[in-house]
Amino acid sequence: MKISNYKELELAKTPHGISANKLYDKDHAVIMHLNLKAGESLKPHITPVDVAFYILEGSPTIMVEDEKVQVKVDDIIESPKDIVHCIYNETNADVRVLVMKLPRPTTKTIMK
């Protein structure tokens, strides 16, 4: 058994400039823990695999293609591969999100 706590993991380098920890990185999936402070966001981007966002804390706004919706704790949002998506923290509170890429990408993400 392997047990990890995101608070004890090294920060991952991302092009988004936010706090991110890689919780799980195997051939078949990648799971990231994102922590967005008030006013922070990802840069809109396209991943070559399906992505699921699970909201742990806060009420971020999620954009998938041309749809943009504020979501809440315990929501799971699906973003199909090859679709532009983004996470925005437009609130005054922290947002924590699990990002699951399924399967693990073998090609690069495209920044918009």
N, C-alpha and C. Protein backbone atom coordinates (compact mmCIF):
# COMPACT_ATOMS: atom_id res chain seq x y z
N MET A 1 0.85 -1.17 0.00
CA MET A 1 0.00 0.00 0.00
C MET A 1 0.90 1.23 0.00
N LYS A 2 0.52 2.22 -0.81
CA LYS A 2 1.22 3.50 -0.83
C LYS A 2 0.24 4.58 -0.41
N ILE A 3 0.62 5.39 0.57
CA ILE A 3 -0.24 6.47 1.05
C ILE A 3 0.52 7.78 0.84
N SER A 4 -0.14 8.75 0.23
CA SER A 4 0.46 10.07 0.00
C SER A 4 -0.49 11.14 0.49
N ASN A 5 0.08 12.25 0.92
CA ASN A 5 -0.69 13.42 1.30
C ASN A 5 -0.17 14.58 0.46
N TYR A 6 -1.04 15.28 -0.24
CA TYR A 6 -0.60 16.33 -1.15
C TYR A 6 0.26 17.39 -0.45
N LYS A 7 0.01 17.61 0.84
CA LYS A 7 0.76 18.62 1.58
C LYS A 7 2.23 18.24 1.75
N GLU A 8 2.53 16.95 1.60
CA GLU A 8 3.90 16.47 1.77
C GLU A 8 4.60 16.22 0.45
N LEU A 9 3.92 16.43 -0.66
CA LEU A 9 4.49 16.19 -1.98
C LEU A 9 5.11 17.46 -2.55
N GLU A 10 6.09 17.27 -3.39
CA GLU A 10 6.73 18.38 -4.08
C GLU A 10 5.75 19.04 -5.04
N LEU A 11 5.85 20.35 -5.17
CA LEU A 11 5.01 21.05 -6.13
C LEU A 11 5.42 20.68 -7.54
N ALA A 12 4.44 20.46 -8.39
CA ALA A 12 4.70 20.14 -9.79
C ALA A 12 4.87 21.44 -10.58
N LYS A 13 5.72 21.42 -11.56
CA LYS A 13 5.88 22.58 -12.44
C LYS A 13 4.80 22.52 -13.50
N THR A 14 4.02 23.59 -13.61
CA THR A 14 2.96 23.67 -14.62
C THR A 14 3.08 25.01 -15.34
N PRO A 15 2.54 25.11 -16.54
CA PRO A 15 2.56 26.40 -17.25
C PRO A 15 1.54 27.40 -16.70
N HIS A 16 0.75 26.97 -15.72
CA HIS A 16 -0.34 27.80 -15.21
C HIS A 16 0.07 28.70 -14.04
N GLY A 17 1.20 28.43 -13.40
CA GLY A 17 1.66 29.26 -12.29
C GLY A 17 0.82 29.13 -11.03
N ILE A 18 0.22 27.97 -10.81
CA ILE A 18 -0.59 27.74 -9.60
C ILE A 18 0.04 26.62 -8.79
N SER A 19 -0.44 26.41 -7.59
CA SER A 19 0.03 25.32 -6.74
C SER A 19 -0.58 24.01 -7.22
N ALA A 20 0.28 23.06 -7.60
CA ALA A 20 -0.19 21.77 -8.11
C ALA A 20 0.72 20.66 -7.60
N ASN A 21 0.11 19.57 -7.19
CA ASN A 21 0.86 18.40 -6.73
C ASN A 21 0.42 17.18 -7.54
N LYS A 22 1.39 16.40 -8.00
CA LYS A 22 1.07 15.18 -8.73
C LYS A 22 0.87 14.06 -7.70
N LEU A 23 -0.37 13.62 -7.56
CA LEU A 23 -0.71 12.59 -6.58
C LEU A 23 -0.47 11.18 -7.12
N TYR A 24 -0.68 11.02 -8.42
CA TYR A 24 -0.65 9.68 -9.03
C TYR A 24 -0.17 9.84 -10.46
N ASP A 25 0.82 9.05 -10.84
CA ASP A 25 1.37 9.16 -12.19
C ASP A 25 1.77 7.77 -12.66
N LYS A 26 0.87 7.13 -13.36
CA LYS A 26 1.10 5.78 -13.89
C LYS A 26 0.82 5.79 -15.39
N ASP A 27 1.12 4.70 -16.05
CA ASP A 27 0.90 4.61 -17.50
C ASP A 27 -0.57 4.81 -17.89
N HIS A 28 -1.49 4.43 -17.01
CA HIS A 28 -2.90 4.45 -17.35
C HIS A 28 -3.67 5.68 -16.83
N ALA A 29 -3.03 6.53 -16.01
CA ALA A 29 -3.74 7.71 -15.49
C ALA A 29 -2.79 8.66 -14.77
N VAL A 30 -3.20 9.92 -14.70
CA VAL A 30 -2.50 10.93 -13.92
C VAL A 30 -3.55 11.66 -13.08
N ILE A 31 -3.25 11.85 -11.79
CA ILE A 31 -4.15 12.60 -10.91
C ILE A 31 -3.35 13.72 -10.27
N MET A 32 -3.85 14.95 -10.45
CA MET A 32 -3.21 16.14 -9.90
C MET A 32 -4.13 16.78 -8.86
N HIS A 33 -3.53 17.37 -7.85
CA HIS A 33 -4.25 18.17 -6.86
C HIS A 33 -3.90 19.62 -7.15
N LEU A 34 -4.90 20.43 -7.46
CA LEU A 34 -4.71 21.85 -7.72
C LEU A 34 -5.26 22.68 -6.58
N ASN A 35 -4.54 23.73 -6.23
CA ASN A 35 -5.00 24.67 -5.23
C ASN A 35 -4.94 26.05 -5.86
N LEU A 36 -6.09 26.64 -6.12
CA LEU A 36 -6.16 27.96 -6.72
C LEU A 36 -6.58 28.97 -5.67
N LYS A 37 -5.74 29.96 -5.46
CA LYS A 37 -6.06 31.06 -4.54
C LYS A 37 -7.07 31.98 -5.22
N ALA A 38 -7.65 32.89 -4.45
CA ALA A 38 -8.63 33.85 -5.00
C ALA A 38 -8.04 34.56 -6.21
N GLY A 39 -8.81 34.56 -7.30
CA GLY A 39 -8.40 35.25 -8.52
C GLY A 39 -7.49 34.46 -9.43
N GLU A 40 -6.99 33.31 -9.02
CA GLU A 40 -6.11 32.50 -9.88
C GLU A 40 -6.94 31.67 -10.86
N SER A 41 -6.30 31.28 -11.96
CA SER A 41 -6.95 30.41 -12.93
C SER A 41 -5.90 29.65 -13.71
N LEU A 42 -6.36 28.63 -14.38
CA LEU A 42 -5.52 27.95 -15.35
C LEU A 42 -5.56 28.77 -16.64
N LYS A 43 -4.65 28.49 -17.54
CA LYS A 43 -4.73 29.06 -18.88
C LYS A 43 -5.59 28.10 -19.70
N PRO A 44 -6.48 28.61 -20.54
CA PRO A 44 -7.27 27.70 -21.37
C PRO A 44 -6.32 26.79 -22.16
N HIS A 45 -6.66 25.50 -22.22
CA HIS A 45 -5.80 24.54 -22.89
C HIS A 45 -6.60 23.33 -23.36
N ILE A 46 -5.97 22.54 -24.20
CA ILE A 46 -6.58 21.34 -24.76
C ILE A 46 -5.69 20.16 -24.40
N THR A 47 -6.28 19.13 -23.80
CA THR A 47 -5.52 17.93 -23.49
C THR A 47 -5.90 16.82 -24.49
N PRO A 48 -4.93 15.94 -24.77
CA PRO A 48 -5.16 14.88 -25.76
C PRO A 48 -5.89 13.66 -25.19
N VAL A 49 -6.37 13.79 -23.94
CA VAL A 49 -7.10 12.69 -23.28
C VAL A 49 -8.29 13.27 -22.54
N ASP A 50 -9.23 12.41 -22.16
CA ASP A 50 -10.36 12.84 -21.33
C ASP A 50 -9.85 13.33 -19.98
N VAL A 51 -10.54 14.33 -19.42
CA VAL A 51 -10.19 14.88 -18.11
C VAL A 51 -11.45 14.94 -17.27
N ALA A 52 -11.30 14.61 -15.98
CA ALA A 52 -12.40 14.77 -15.02
C ALA A 52 -11.90 15.65 -13.89
N PHE A 53 -12.72 16.63 -13.47
CA PHE A 53 -12.41 17.53 -12.37
C PHE A 53 -13.33 17.18 -11.21
N TYR A 54 -12.77 16.90 -10.05
CA TYR A 54 -13.58 16.65 -8.85
C TYR A 54 -13.30 17.78 -7.87
N ILE A 55 -14.34 18.48 -7.45
CA ILE A 55 -14.20 19.67 -6.61
C ILE A 55 -14.14 19.26 -5.14
N LEU A 56 -13.00 19.57 -4.52
CA LEU A 56 -12.78 19.25 -3.11
C LEU A 56 -13.17 20.40 -2.17
N GLU A 57 -12.94 21.63 -2.65
CA GLU A 57 -13.17 22.80 -1.80
C GLU A 57 -13.44 24.00 -2.69
N GLY A 58 -14.36 24.85 -2.27
CA GLY A 58 -14.65 26.08 -2.99
C GLY A 58 -15.67 25.93 -4.10
N SER A 59 -15.82 27.00 -4.87
CA SER A 59 -16.80 27.04 -5.96
C SER A 59 -16.16 27.63 -7.22
N PRO A 60 -15.31 26.86 -7.89
CA PRO A 60 -14.67 27.38 -9.09
C PRO A 60 -15.64 27.47 -10.26
N THR A 61 -15.23 28.21 -11.25
CA THR A 61 -15.95 28.24 -12.52
C THR A 61 -15.16 27.38 -13.49
N ILE A 62 -15.85 26.44 -14.12
CA ILE A 62 -15.22 25.53 -15.06
C ILE A 62 -15.70 25.87 -16.46
N MET A 63 -14.75 25.96 -17.39
CA MET A 63 -15.09 26.16 -18.79
C MET A 63 -14.73 24.88 -19.55
N VAL A 64 -15.69 24.36 -20.29
CA VAL A 64 -15.46 23.25 -21.20
C VAL A 64 -16.05 23.67 -22.54
N GLU A 65 -15.17 23.84 -23.51
CA GLU A 65 -15.52 24.36 -24.84
C GLU A 65 -16.18 25.73 -24.68
N ASP A 66 -17.42 25.89 -25.08
CA ASP A 66 -18.07 27.22 -25.00
C ASP A 66 -19.02 27.34 -23.80
N GLU A 67 -18.97 26.38 -22.89
CA GLU A 67 -19.83 26.40 -21.71
C GLU A 67 -18.99 26.74 -20.47
N LYS A 68 -19.46 27.68 -19.67
CA LYS A 68 -18.75 28.13 -18.47
C LYS A 68 -19.74 28.16 -17.32
N VAL A 69 -19.48 27.34 -16.25
CA VAL A 69 -20.44 27.18 -15.16
C VAL A 69 -19.70 27.19 -13.82
N GLN A 70 -20.29 27.88 -12.83
CA GLN A 70 -19.75 27.81 -11.48
C GLN A 70 -20.25 26.51 -10.85
N VAL A 71 -19.32 25.74 -10.27
CA VAL A 71 -19.65 24.44 -9.68
C VAL A 71 -19.38 24.48 -8.18
N LYS A 72 -19.68 23.36 -7.51
CA LYS A 72 -19.57 23.34 -6.05
C LYS A 72 -18.86 22.07 -5.58
N VAL A 73 -18.60 22.03 -4.28
CA VAL A 73 -17.94 20.87 -3.66
C VAL A 73 -18.70 19.59 -4.00
N ASP A 74 -17.93 18.55 -4.29
CA ASP A 74 -18.41 17.20 -4.62
C ASP A 74 -18.97 17.07 -6.03
N ASP A 75 -18.93 18.14 -6.84
CA ASP A 75 -19.29 18.01 -8.25
C ASP A 75 -18.13 17.36 -9.00
N ILE A 76 -18.45 16.58 -10.00
CA ILE A 76 -17.44 16.05 -10.91
C ILE A 76 -17.82 16.51 -12.32
N ILE A 77 -16.83 17.06 -13.01
CA ILE A 77 -17.08 17.65 -14.32
C ILE A 77 -16.22 16.90 -15.33
N GLU A 78 -16.83 16.51 -16.43
CA GLU A 78 -16.12 15.78 -17.48
C GLU A 78 -15.78 16.72 -18.62
N SER A 79 -14.54 16.59 -19.12
CA SER A 79 -14.10 17.34 -20.29
C SER A 79 -13.52 16.34 -21.28
N PRO A 80 -14.18 16.16 -22.41
CA PRO A 80 -13.67 15.20 -23.40
C PRO A 80 -12.32 15.63 -23.96
N LYS A 81 -11.58 14.68 -24.46
CA LYS A 81 -10.27 14.99 -25.05
C LYS A 81 -10.45 15.93 -26.25
N ASP A 82 -9.38 16.68 -26.51
CA ASP A 82 -9.30 17.58 -27.66
C ASP A 82 -10.30 18.73 -27.61
N ILE A 83 -10.78 19.09 -26.39
CA ILE A 83 -11.70 20.21 -26.18
C ILE A 83 -11.02 21.22 -25.27
N VAL A 84 -11.11 22.51 -25.59
CA VAL A 84 -10.52 23.53 -24.72
C VAL A 84 -11.27 23.56 -23.39
N HIS A 85 -10.50 23.65 -22.30
CA HIS A 85 -11.12 23.73 -20.98
C HIS A 85 -10.24 24.58 -20.06
N CYS A 86 -10.83 24.98 -18.92
CA CYS A 86 -10.13 25.86 -18.00
C CYS A 86 -10.84 25.86 -16.64
N ILE A 87 -10.08 26.20 -15.58
CA ILE A 87 -10.65 26.35 -14.24
C ILE A 87 -10.32 27.77 -13.78
N TYR A 88 -11.33 28.48 -13.30
CA TYR A 88 -11.17 29.85 -12.80
C TYR A 88 -11.63 29.90 -11.35
N ASN A 89 -10.85 30.57 -10.51
CA ASN A 89 -11.32 30.85 -9.15
C ASN A 89 -11.69 32.32 -9.11
N GLU A 90 -12.96 32.60 -9.31
CA GLU A 90 -13.47 33.96 -9.34
C GLU A 90 -14.06 34.35 -7.99
N THR A 91 -13.71 33.58 -6.93
CA THR A 91 -14.22 33.85 -5.59
C THR A 91 -13.11 34.39 -4.71
N ASN A 92 -13.45 34.67 -3.45
CA ASN A 92 -12.46 35.15 -2.48
C ASN A 92 -11.92 34.04 -1.60
N ALA A 93 -12.30 32.81 -1.87
CA ALA A 93 -11.87 31.66 -1.06
C ALA A 93 -10.99 30.73 -1.90
N ASP A 94 -10.21 29.89 -1.23
CA ASP A 94 -9.40 28.90 -1.94
C ASP A 94 -10.28 27.88 -2.65
N VAL A 95 -9.75 27.35 -3.73
CA VAL A 95 -10.39 26.27 -4.47
C VAL A 95 -9.40 25.11 -4.55
N ARG A 96 -9.87 23.89 -4.26
CA ARG A 96 -9.04 22.69 -4.41
C ARG A 96 -9.77 21.72 -5.33
N VAL A 97 -9.03 21.22 -6.31
CA VAL A 97 -9.62 20.36 -7.33
C VAL A 97 -8.70 19.17 -7.61
N LEU A 98 -9.28 17.99 -7.74
CA LEU A 98 -8.55 16.84 -8.27
C LEU A 98 -8.77 16.83 -9.77
N VAL A 99 -7.69 16.74 -10.52
CA VAL A 99 -7.76 16.65 -11.98
C VAL A 99 -7.26 15.28 -12.37
N MET A 100 -8.11 14.51 -13.04
CA MET A 100 -7.77 13.15 -13.44
C MET A 100 -7.70 13.08 -14.97
N LYS A 101 -6.53 12.73 -15.48
CA LYS A 101 -6.35 12.57 -16.93
C LYS A 101 -6.33 11.07 -17.22
N LEU A 102 -7.27 10.68 -18.06
CA LEU A 102 -7.49 9.25 -18.31
C LEU A 102 -7.60 8.97 -19.81
N PRO A 103 -6.72 8.20 -20.38
CA PRO A 103 -5.50 7.63 -19.81
C PRO A 103 -4.42 8.70 -19.70
N ARG A 104 -3.26 8.31 -19.22
CA ARG A 104 -2.12 9.23 -19.12
C ARG A 104 -1.80 9.77 -20.51
N PRO A 105 -1.64 11.08 -20.65
CA PRO A 105 -1.33 11.64 -21.97
C PRO A 105 0.03 11.17 -22.49
N THR A 106 0.09 10.92 -23.78
CA THR A 106 1.35 10.55 -24.41
C THR A 106 1.84 11.65 -25.36
N THR A 107 0.98 12.67 -25.55
CA THR A 107 1.38 13.84 -26.34
C THR A 107 1.14 15.09 -25.50
N LYS A 108 1.68 16.20 -25.94
CA LYS A 108 1.63 17.44 -25.15
C LYS A 108 0.27 18.10 -25.16
N THR A 109 -0.01 18.81 -24.06
CA THR A 109 -1.16 19.67 -23.95
C THR A 109 -0.93 20.91 -24.83
N ILE A 110 -1.99 21.41 -25.44
CA ILE A 110 -1.91 22.59 -26.29
C ILE A 110 -2.44 23.78 -25.50
N MET A 111 -1.59 24.79 -25.32
CA MET A 111 -2.01 26.00 -24.62
C MET A 111 -2.70 26.92 -25.59
N LYS A 112 -3.79 27.57 -25.15
CA LYS A 112 -4.55 28.50 -26.01
C LYS A 112 -4.23 29.92 -25.69
